[in-house]
N, C-alpha and C. Protein backbone atom coordinates (compact mmCIF):
# COMPACT_ATOMS: atom_id res chain seq x y z
N MET A 1 117.83 124.17 24.72
CA MET A 1 117.66 123.31 23.85
C MET A 1 116.28 123.51 23.50
N GLU A 2 115.71 122.82 22.49
CA GLU A 2 114.24 122.78 21.81
C GLU A 2 114.13 121.50 21.29
N PHE A 3 112.79 120.77 21.98
CA PHE A 3 113.33 119.21 21.57
C PHE A 3 111.76 118.71 20.34
N LEU A 4 111.90 118.32 19.46
CA LEU A 4 110.90 117.98 18.22
C LEU A 4 110.42 116.12 19.24
N TYR A 5 109.62 115.96 18.53
CA TYR A 5 109.18 114.56 19.61
C TYR A 5 108.53 113.59 18.08
N SER A 6 109.42 112.15 17.80
CA SER A 6 108.59 111.43 17.22
C SER A 6 107.05 110.89 17.26
N ASN A 7 106.29 110.37 16.49
CA ASN A 7 105.07 109.83 16.84
C ASN A 7 105.39 108.93 17.55
N ARG A 8 106.74 107.71 17.45
CA ARG A 8 106.97 107.03 18.02
C ARG A 8 107.18 107.24 19.37
N PHE A 9 107.91 107.87 19.39
CA PHE A 9 108.88 108.29 21.00
C PHE A 9 107.48 108.56 21.75
N LYS A 10 106.40 109.20 21.16
CA LYS A 10 105.05 109.83 22.15
C LYS A 10 104.37 108.72 22.53
N LYS A 11 104.12 107.32 22.03
CA LYS A 11 103.67 105.94 21.91
C LYS A 11 104.58 105.50 22.70
N ASP A 12 105.88 105.61 22.91
CA ASP A 12 106.89 104.37 24.07
C ASP A 12 106.76 105.47 25.27
N TYR A 13 106.55 106.60 25.32
CA TYR A 13 106.42 107.37 26.17
C TYR A 13 105.76 107.09 26.76
N LYS A 14 104.51 107.07 26.22
CA LYS A 14 102.67 106.43 26.69
C LYS A 14 103.06 105.08 28.03
N LYS A 15 103.61 104.01 27.46
CA LYS A 15 103.81 102.95 27.78
C LYS A 15 104.81 102.50 29.15
N LEU A 16 105.62 103.61 29.62
CA LEU A 16 106.72 103.90 30.63
C LEU A 16 105.88 103.84 31.88
N PRO A 17 106.59 103.57 32.83
CA PRO A 17 105.45 103.48 34.00
C PRO A 17 106.05 105.37 34.68
N ASP A 18 105.26 105.72 35.50
CA ASP A 18 105.36 106.48 36.02
C ASP A 18 106.55 107.21 36.87
N ASN A 19 107.23 106.70 36.92
CA ASN A 19 108.25 106.62 38.03
C ASN A 19 109.58 107.06 36.80
N ILE A 20 109.58 106.08 35.73
CA ILE A 20 110.40 106.46 34.48
C ILE A 20 110.40 107.59 34.29
N LYS A 21 109.42 107.62 34.13
CA LYS A 21 108.66 109.18 33.31
C LYS A 21 109.09 110.41 34.04
N LYS A 22 109.42 110.13 35.12
CA LYS A 22 109.65 110.80 36.15
C LYS A 22 111.35 111.74 35.79
N ILE A 23 112.00 110.28 36.08
CA ILE A 23 113.37 110.32 35.75
C ILE A 23 113.49 110.81 34.24
N LEU A 24 112.77 110.38 33.15
CA LEU A 24 113.45 110.57 32.09
C LEU A 24 112.99 112.11 31.64
N GLN A 25 112.06 113.19 33.11
CA GLN A 25 111.57 114.29 32.31
C GLN A 25 112.86 115.11 33.07
N GLU A 26 113.82 114.50 34.08
CA GLU A 26 114.46 115.18 34.98
C GLU A 26 115.76 114.80 33.59
N LYS A 27 116.25 113.71 32.83
CA LYS A 27 117.47 113.66 31.93
C LYS A 27 116.85 114.76 31.16
N LEU A 28 115.59 114.82 30.67
CA LEU A 28 115.69 115.72 29.64
C LEU A 28 115.93 117.65 29.92
N ASN A 29 115.58 117.47 30.99
CA ASN A 29 116.19 119.04 31.35
C ASN A 29 117.30 118.81 31.28
N LEU A 30 118.37 118.26 31.88
CA LEU A 30 119.83 117.87 31.73
C LEU A 30 120.22 118.43 30.12
N MET A 31 119.46 117.46 29.39
CA MET A 31 119.55 117.45 27.78
C MET A 31 119.81 118.50 27.33
N ALA A 32 118.64 119.72 27.52
CA ALA A 32 118.26 120.93 27.09
C ALA A 32 119.51 121.47 27.42
N GLN A 33 120.10 121.17 28.74
CA GLN A 33 121.06 122.22 28.99
C GLN A 33 122.38 122.08 28.31
N ASN A 34 122.64 120.38 28.09
CA ASN A 34 123.93 119.89 27.75
C ASN A 34 123.68 118.43 26.90
N PRO A 35 123.42 118.27 25.86
CA PRO A 35 123.51 116.90 25.17
C PRO A 35 123.80 116.01 25.66
N PHE A 36 125.39 115.92 26.10
CA PHE A 36 126.20 115.20 26.85
C PHE A 36 126.91 115.60 27.46
N HIS A 37 125.94 115.67 28.54
CA HIS A 37 125.94 115.84 29.71
C HIS A 37 126.34 114.55 30.48
N PRO A 38 127.67 114.47 31.24
CA PRO A 38 128.23 113.16 31.76
C PRO A 38 127.15 112.38 31.94
N SER A 39 126.29 112.59 32.80
CA SER A 39 125.45 111.89 33.64
C SER A 39 124.11 110.76 32.55
N LEU A 40 123.85 111.48 31.20
CA LEU A 40 123.38 111.32 30.38
C LEU A 40 123.83 109.81 29.56
N ARG A 41 124.92 110.12 29.84
CA ARG A 41 125.98 108.71 29.20
C ARG A 41 125.98 108.75 27.42
N THR A 42 125.65 109.92 26.86
CA THR A 42 125.48 109.75 25.53
C THR A 42 126.62 109.43 24.76
N LYS A 43 126.03 108.87 23.44
CA LYS A 43 127.26 108.34 22.63
C LYS A 43 126.20 108.05 21.27
N LYS A 44 127.03 108.03 20.30
CA LYS A 44 126.47 107.70 18.70
C LYS A 44 126.40 106.15 18.64
N ILE A 45 125.14 106.02 18.04
CA ILE A 45 125.18 104.32 18.10
C ILE A 45 125.81 103.99 16.54
N ARG A 46 126.38 102.90 17.03
CA ARG A 46 127.26 102.43 15.74
C ARG A 46 126.64 101.87 14.66
N GLY A 47 127.10 102.71 13.59
CA GLY A 47 126.60 102.02 12.35
C GLY A 47 125.50 102.78 11.60
N GLU A 48 125.05 104.14 12.91
CA GLU A 48 124.36 105.25 11.95
C GLU A 48 124.95 106.40 12.24
N SER A 49 124.65 107.34 11.14
CA SER A 49 125.66 108.44 10.77
C SER A 49 125.43 109.31 11.98
N ASN A 50 123.97 109.61 12.26
CA ASN A 50 123.62 110.78 13.25
C ASN A 50 122.94 110.66 14.07
N ILE A 51 122.70 109.24 14.92
CA ILE A 51 121.34 109.15 15.67
C ILE A 51 122.64 108.64 17.07
N PHE A 52 121.81 109.09 18.34
CA PHE A 52 122.90 109.44 19.44
C PHE A 52 122.03 108.53 20.15
N GLU A 53 122.25 107.79 21.71
CA GLU A 53 121.47 106.97 22.51
C GLU A 53 122.19 107.94 23.69
N CYS A 54 121.66 107.92 24.54
CA CYS A 54 121.27 108.42 25.96
C CYS A 54 120.63 107.62 27.01
N SER A 55 121.59 107.24 28.19
CA SER A 55 120.65 106.50 29.42
C SER A 55 119.64 107.58 29.96
N ILE A 56 118.57 106.55 30.47
CA ILE A 56 117.42 107.41 31.03
C ILE A 56 118.11 106.42 32.37
N ASN A 57 118.04 105.17 32.84
CA ASN A 57 119.03 104.55 33.65
C ASN A 57 119.48 103.15 33.29
N MET A 58 119.42 102.30 33.98
CA MET A 58 120.72 101.34 33.10
C MET A 58 119.73 100.33 32.55
N SER A 59 118.80 100.47 32.36
CA SER A 59 117.93 99.35 31.75
C SER A 59 116.85 100.46 30.53
N ILE A 60 116.92 101.71 30.43
CA ILE A 60 116.34 102.29 29.92
C ILE A 60 117.10 103.70 28.68
N ARG A 61 116.85 103.00 27.73
CA ARG A 61 117.62 104.21 26.71
C ARG A 61 116.87 105.09 25.75
N MET A 62 117.35 106.10 25.53
CA MET A 62 116.54 106.77 24.46
C MET A 62 117.76 107.31 23.53
N THR A 63 117.07 107.28 21.85
CA THR A 63 117.80 107.88 20.40
C THR A 63 117.09 109.14 20.26
N TRP A 64 118.51 109.85 19.74
CA TRP A 64 117.91 111.18 19.34
C TRP A 64 118.70 111.64 18.25
N GLN A 65 118.28 112.84 17.55
CA GLN A 65 119.49 113.32 16.69
C GLN A 65 118.96 114.74 16.23
N TYR A 66 120.25 115.62 16.08
CA TYR A 66 119.96 116.84 15.70
C TYR A 66 119.04 117.29 14.51
N GLN A 67 118.12 118.08 14.58
CA GLN A 67 117.40 118.55 13.39
C GLN A 67 117.06 119.80 13.29
N ASP A 68 117.62 120.59 12.41
CA ASP A 68 117.09 122.05 12.08
C ASP A 68 117.73 122.70 13.37
N LYS A 69 118.63 122.59 14.05
CA LYS A 69 119.02 123.08 15.40
C LYS A 69 118.24 122.43 16.26
N LYS A 70 117.61 121.96 16.53
CA LYS A 70 116.76 120.76 17.93
C LYS A 70 117.23 119.78 17.85
N ILE A 71 116.86 118.92 19.07
CA ILE A 71 117.18 117.55 19.64
C ILE A 71 116.14 116.90 19.16
N PHE A 72 115.90 115.94 18.35
CA PHE A 72 114.84 115.15 17.61
C PHE A 72 114.37 113.77 18.63
N LEU A 73 113.75 113.92 19.33
CA LEU A 73 113.34 112.54 20.11
C LEU A 73 112.83 111.35 19.85
N ARG A 74 113.64 110.16 19.31
CA ARG A 74 113.36 109.35 18.07
C ARG A 74 112.58 108.12 19.01
N THR A 75 112.91 107.25 20.08
CA THR A 75 112.45 106.33 20.59
C THR A 75 112.84 106.65 22.08
N VAL A 76 112.44 105.74 23.09
CA VAL A 76 112.50 105.58 24.17
C VAL A 76 111.67 104.35 25.02
N GLY A 77 112.67 103.17 25.46
CA GLY A 77 112.43 102.19 26.27
C GLY A 77 113.41 101.45 26.18
N PRO A 78 114.01 100.02 26.69
CA PRO A 78 114.32 98.99 27.28
C PRO A 78 115.50 98.84 26.44
N HIS A 79 116.58 98.45 26.35
CA HIS A 79 118.30 98.76 26.46
C HIS A 79 118.05 98.45 25.17
N ASP A 80 118.00 97.16 24.84
CA ASP A 80 117.84 96.11 24.08
C ASP A 80 116.85 96.50 22.37
N PHE A 81 115.84 96.56 22.75
CA PHE A 81 114.64 97.16 21.76
C PHE A 81 114.93 98.42 21.41
N THR A 82 115.53 99.18 22.34
CA THR A 82 115.59 100.86 21.51
C THR A 82 116.96 101.25 20.72
N LEU A 83 117.99 100.25 21.29
CA LEU A 83 118.87 100.23 20.20
C LEU A 83 119.18 99.36 19.14
N ASP A 84 118.35 98.15 18.64
CA ASP A 84 118.07 97.67 17.86
C ASP A 84 117.22 98.21 16.77
N ASN A 85 115.98 99.49 17.49
CA ASN A 85 115.35 99.89 16.28
C ASN A 85 115.33 101.76 16.53
N PRO A 86 116.55 102.28 16.50
CA PRO A 86 116.95 103.76 16.61
C PRO A 86 116.04 104.23 16.25
């Protein structure tokens, strides 16, 4: 599956430490094959009609949605911040 990146995602990504960027890339590879792979722990965000979250690690989350048969990556960052601002 192909990805689209929001400006916010790009900005958030730049702030991540290198070790988290490496893990994120591994998760994106999984997501390209199956957005609901068990290790991503993907679930719909409560109160949002079509926005999902998935885990990068226990403290970092990424939000995304389907857009034109692609995955639109919205945000990435600390759990609480990312989920409060999907």
